[in-house]
Amino acid sequence: MLDQALALGPSGKLAWMFVGGLFIGFGTRLAGGCTSGHGICGISRLSLRSIVATMVFMMCGILSATLFRMLSHL
C-alpha cells in the first residue's frame, strides 16, 4: 500500500534501500557498534553507552514504523 501511495517504481525502491543502508552505516559508526552488539553484549555489561544507544535505536524504529503505518492509510 505504501508503494502505491508514494508511487515508487523499482528504481525508487532501490534508491530508498540505498539511503536506508547509508543511515544504518552512519548510525553504526556514530554509536560505535552495531545494534545487536549494543543490545545484547553492551546491556549485559551494563554499559551506559550501550543502554542509551539501544534506547535510541528502539525509539527511532518505533517512530519509523508509526510514520509508515500512518502513511499507508492515506
Protein backbone atom coordinates (compact mmCIF):
# COMPACT_ATOMS: atom_id res chain seq x y z
CA MET A 1 0.00 0.00 0.00
CA LEU A 2 2.80 2.40 0.84
CA ASP A 3 4.39 1.71 -2.54
CA GLN A 4 1.16 2.75 -4.24
CA ALA A 5 0.79 5.87 -2.08
CA LEU A 6 4.32 7.01 -2.87
CA ALA A 7 4.18 5.75 -6.48
CA LEU A 8 7.65 4.20 -6.28
CA GLY A 9 8.92 2.11 -9.13
CA PRO A 10 11.75 -0.39 -8.93
CA SER A 11 14.41 2.31 -9.18
CA GLY A 12 12.72 4.36 -6.43
CA LYS A 13 12.67 1.34 -4.13
CA LEU A 14 16.33 0.68 -4.84
CA ALA A 15 17.16 4.30 -4.04
CA TRP A 16 15.29 4.07 -0.72
CA MET A 17 17.13 0.86 0.17
CA PHE A 18 20.45 2.57 -0.60
CA VAL A 19 19.58 5.59 1.56
CA GLY A 20 18.44 3.27 4.36
CA GLY A 21 21.75 1.42 4.19
CA LEU A 22 23.63 4.69 4.45
CA PHE A 23 21.62 5.66 7.53
CA ILE A 24 22.34 2.29 9.14
CA GLY A 25 26.05 2.63 8.41
CA PHE A 26 26.10 6.18 9.78
CA GLY A 27 24.25 5.11 12.93
CA THR A 28 26.59 2.18 13.47
CA ARG A 29 29.60 4.45 13.14
CA LEU A 30 28.07 7.13 15.37
CA ALA A 31 27.10 4.65 18.10
CA GLY A 32 30.41 2.80 18.00
CA GLY A 33 28.92 -0.60 17.19
CA CYS A 34 26.01 -2.45 15.69
CA THR A 35 22.52 -2.56 17.15
CA SER A 36 22.69 -6.20 18.24
CA GLY A 37 26.13 -5.72 19.76
CA HIS A 38 24.93 -2.83 21.89
CA GLY A 39 21.64 -4.54 22.69
CA ILE A 40 23.00 -7.92 23.71
CA CYS A 41 26.60 -7.51 24.83
CA GLY A 42 26.61 -3.88 25.91
CA ILE A 43 23.48 -4.01 28.03
CA SER A 44 24.61 -7.26 29.68
CA ARG A 45 27.81 -5.43 30.71
CA LEU A 46 25.64 -2.53 31.99
CA SER A 47 27.38 -0.12 29.63
CA LEU A 48 25.62 3.25 29.80
CA ARG A 49 26.65 3.99 26.22
CA SER A 50 25.02 0.77 25.02
CA ILE A 51 21.86 1.32 27.04
CA VAL A 52 21.43 4.81 25.57
CA ALA A 53 22.26 3.63 22.04
CA THR A 54 19.75 0.76 22.26
CA MET A 55 17.05 3.12 23.56
CA VAL A 56 17.69 5.49 20.65
CA PHE A 57 17.61 2.60 18.14
CA MET A 58 14.30 1.38 19.55
CA MET A 59 12.72 4.85 19.63
CA CYS A 60 13.73 5.50 16.02
CA GLY A 61 12.36 2.12 14.95
CA ILE A 62 9.05 2.72 16.69
CA LEU A 63 8.80 6.21 15.20
CA SER A 64 9.59 4.94 11.70
CA ALA A 65 7.06 2.11 11.94
CA THR A 66 4.39 4.51 13.20
CA LEU A 67 5.03 7.00 10.40
CA PHE A 68 4.99 4.31 7.72
CA ARG A 69 1.76 2.90 9.13
CA MET A 70 0.16 6.36 9.08
CA LEU A 71 1.34 6.94 5.51
CA SER A 72 -0.01 3.58 4.35
CA HIS A 73 -3.52 4.60 5.43
CA LEU A 74 -3.56 7.73 3.26
